[in-house]
Protein backbone atom coordinates (compact mmCIF):
# COMPACT_ATOMS: atom_id res chain seq x y z
CA MET A 1 0.28 -0.19 0.33
CA GLU A 2 1.29 3.63 -0.57
CA THR A 3 -0.40 6.53 -0.08
CA GLY A 4 0.73 10.34 0.61
CA PRO A 5 2.28 13.20 -1.19
CA PRO A 6 4.89 11.19 -4.59
CA CYS A 7 7.52 13.67 -4.28
CA ALA A 8 7.28 14.22 -0.24
CA ASP A 9 9.85 11.54 1.29
CA PRO A 10 8.73 8.37 2.18
CA VAL A 11 8.35 6.38 5.01
CA VAL A 12 8.12 2.02 5.03
CA LEU A 13 6.09 0.01 7.60
CA LEU A 14 6.78 -2.70 8.36
CA SER A 15 5.29 -5.41 10.25
CA GLY A 16 6.27 -8.18 12.99
CA ALA A 17 6.41 -11.36 12.49
CA ASN A 18 2.37 -13.23 12.62
CA GLY A 19 1.43 -9.62 11.53
CA ASN A 20 0.39 -6.85 7.64
CA SER A 21 0.28 -3.68 7.01
CA LEU A 22 -2.99 -3.21 8.83
CA MET A 23 -1.17 -2.70 12.25
CA TRP A 24 -0.56 0.65 10.94
CA HIS A 25 -3.90 1.34 10.35
CA ARG A 26 -4.25 4.42 13.20
CA TYR A 27 -0.69 5.75 12.05
CA ILE A 28 -0.88 6.11 8.44
CA ALA A 29 -3.38 9.39 7.68
CA PRO A 30 -1.19 11.64 9.93
CA ILE A 31 1.53 10.51 8.45
CA ALA A 32 0.08 10.59 5.22
CA ARG A 33 -0.48 14.13 4.78
CA ARG A 34 3.57 14.83 5.34
CA ARG A 35 5.45 12.32 3.51
CA THR A 36 4.37 9.10 1.13
CA VAL A 37 3.53 6.36 2.97
CA ILE A 38 4.68 2.79 2.03
CA ALA A 39 3.37 0.35 4.48
CA VAL A 40 4.36 -3.23 3.45
CA ASP A 41 3.01 -7.02 3.95
CA THR A 42 6.28 -9.30 4.02
CA VAL A 43 5.50 -12.63 2.39
CA GLY A 44 5.74 -15.77 4.26
CA GLU A 45 2.83 -13.93 6.59
CA PRO A 46 -0.69 -13.02 6.68
CA GLY A 47 -1.60 -10.62 4.56
CA ALA A 48 -1.77 -9.37 0.31
CA SER A 49 1.38 -10.13 -0.27
CA ILE A 50 1.26 -13.26 -3.26
CA GLN A 51 3.87 -15.53 -2.87
CA SER A 52 6.02 -16.94 -5.76
CA ALA A 53 7.72 -19.72 -4.53
CA PRO A 54 8.29 -21.81 -1.28
CA LEU A 55 10.26 -20.18 1.59
CA THR A 56 12.72 -22.60 3.80
CA GLY A 57 15.12 -20.48 5.28
CA ALA A 58 15.77 -16.91 6.26
CA GLU A 59 17.42 -16.27 3.02
CA ASP A 60 14.32 -16.96 1.64
CA GLY A 61 12.36 -14.71 3.12
CA ALA A 62 14.95 -11.55 3.06
CA ARG A 63 15.16 -12.71 -0.90
């Protein structure tokens, strides 16, 4: 998800384990008034990301 002024400095929101970008919902609007907000769903965790290959270890998750 990306929102906010397109030319502003971006803020990337990463969720913790077993979470997704929904955890940031109450903070996105205030931040997006001045910054571009990018909220990422981590592959392998709940959310809208689509996993295209199996994750067999931490290295796969990092890629």
